[in-house]
Amino acid sequence: MKINFLTKKKKFKKGGSNIRPDLYWKHILYMTLILIIISCAFGLYFFLEVNNESVTPVVEVPGQGVIKKERLYKVLEYFEERERKSVEILNSPSPIIDPSL
């Protein structure tokens, strides 16, 4: 004899109002893909706009002229003299005598 009182019956339901996470993950994936494509297109558009802009023309100052060779040679002589003095200072011994000796 089989007792059917207080037995647990297995019920498997298909469908219904259950949450389907794979559907939401697909939506998130598609939205992310669309945002990435839109961002790339937007960046390419800005790159092309900036790349096509004209370079600002060089404006000449009326008071500025060509550098004369004499002035350039004077400046070069000045720096050569400084270099020579620096080498002399580095190579000369110290004039102060060490009192501990």
Protein backbone atom coordinates (compact mmCIF):
# COMPACT_ATOMS: atom_id res chain seq x y z
CA MET A 1 0.00 0.00 0.00
CA LYS A 2 1.26 3.45 -0.97
CA ILE A 3 0.74 6.47 1.29
CA ASN A 4 0.38 9.73 -0.66
CA PHE A 5 -0.15 11.87 2.38
CA LEU A 6 2.64 14.45 3.22
CA THR A 7 4.82 13.56 0.31
CA LYS A 8 6.73 16.18 -1.54
CA LYS A 9 5.90 16.37 -5.20
CA LYS A 10 8.44 17.65 -7.72
CA LYS A 11 7.05 20.39 -9.88
CA PHE A 12 9.10 21.81 -12.72
CA LYS A 13 7.71 24.88 -14.42
CA LYS A 14 8.82 26.21 -17.74
CA GLY A 15 8.53 29.87 -18.54
CA GLY A 16 6.64 32.22 -16.34
CA SER A 17 7.71 35.51 -14.83
CA ASN A 18 11.22 34.40 -13.91
CA ILE A 19 14.14 36.73 -14.40
CA ARG A 20 16.29 35.86 -17.39
CA PRO A 21 19.81 37.17 -16.67
CA ASP A 22 21.25 36.13 -20.02
CA LEU A 23 18.81 38.48 -21.75
CA TYR A 24 19.90 41.44 -19.60
CA TRP A 25 23.59 40.63 -20.11
CA LYS A 26 23.01 40.62 -23.85
CA HIS A 27 21.37 44.05 -23.63
CA ILE A 28 24.28 45.37 -21.56
CA LEU A 29 26.78 43.91 -24.02
CA TYR A 30 25.01 45.40 -27.04
CA MET A 31 24.68 48.82 -25.41
CA THR A 32 28.38 48.79 -24.49
CA LEU A 33 29.33 47.82 -28.04
CA ILE A 34 27.17 50.61 -29.45
CA LEU A 35 28.73 53.15 -27.06
CA ILE A 36 32.24 52.07 -28.06
CA ILE A 37 31.42 52.40 -31.77
CA ILE A 38 29.86 55.83 -31.24
CA SER A 39 32.90 56.96 -29.21
CA CYS A 40 35.29 55.82 -31.94
CA ALA A 41 33.27 57.63 -34.61
CA PHE A 42 33.13 60.79 -32.47
CA GLY A 43 36.91 60.67 -31.88
CA LEU A 44 37.59 60.14 -35.59
CA TYR A 45 35.33 63.08 -36.47
CA PHE A 46 37.18 65.39 -34.05
CA PHE A 47 40.56 64.14 -35.28
CA LEU A 48 39.64 64.92 -38.88
CA GLU A 49 38.30 68.36 -37.93
CA VAL A 50 41.46 69.29 -36.03
CA ASN A 51 43.70 67.81 -38.71
CA ASN A 52 42.04 69.86 -41.47
CA GLU A 53 42.44 73.21 -39.70
CA SER A 54 44.97 75.52 -41.28
CA VAL A 55 48.21 76.21 -39.51
CA THR A 56 48.47 79.78 -38.23
CA PRO A 57 50.63 81.91 -40.52
CA VAL A 58 53.94 83.25 -39.26
CA VAL A 59 53.65 86.96 -38.52
CA GLU A 60 56.81 88.99 -38.92
CA VAL A 61 57.51 91.66 -36.36
CA PRO A 62 58.49 94.94 -38.11
CA GLY A 63 61.22 95.84 -35.58
CA GLN A 64 62.94 92.46 -35.82
CA GLY A 65 65.55 92.19 -38.55
CA VAL A 66 68.20 89.80 -39.71
CA ILE A 67 70.88 88.95 -37.16
CA LYS A 68 74.19 90.49 -38.10
CA LYS A 69 77.31 88.36 -38.23
CA GLU A 70 79.34 90.79 -36.10
CA ARG A 71 76.91 90.55 -33.20
CA LEU A 72 76.86 86.77 -33.47
CA TYR A 73 80.66 86.61 -33.41
CA LYS A 74 80.78 88.91 -30.37
CA VAL A 75 78.43 86.62 -28.47
CA LEU A 76 80.48 83.57 -29.47
CA GLU A 77 83.68 85.29 -28.29
CA TYR A 78 82.02 86.16 -24.97
CA PHE A 79 81.07 82.53 -24.31
CA GLU A 80 84.49 81.27 -25.40
CA GLU A 81 86.07 83.68 -22.90
CA ARG A 82 83.77 82.43 -20.13
CA GLU A 83 84.63 78.83 -20.97
CA ARG A 84 88.34 79.62 -20.87
CA LYS A 85 87.98 81.34 -17.47
CA SER A 86 86.00 78.38 -16.12
CA VAL A 87 88.71 75.95 -17.20
CA GLU A 88 91.38 78.17 -15.55
CA ILE A 89 89.44 78.28 -12.29
CA LEU A 90 88.91 74.51 -12.27
CA ASN A 91 92.57 73.76 -13.02
CA SER A 92 94.15 76.24 -10.60
CA PRO A 93 94.97 75.06 -7.06
CA SER A 94 93.11 76.46 -4.10
CA PRO A 95 94.77 79.63 -2.70
CA ILE A 96 93.66 78.81 0.85
CA ILE A 97 96.07 76.68 2.84
CA ASP A 98 94.51 74.01 4.97
CA PRO A 99 95.40 74.81 8.64
CA SER A 100 95.04 71.19 9.74
CA LEU A 101 98.17 70.17 7.85
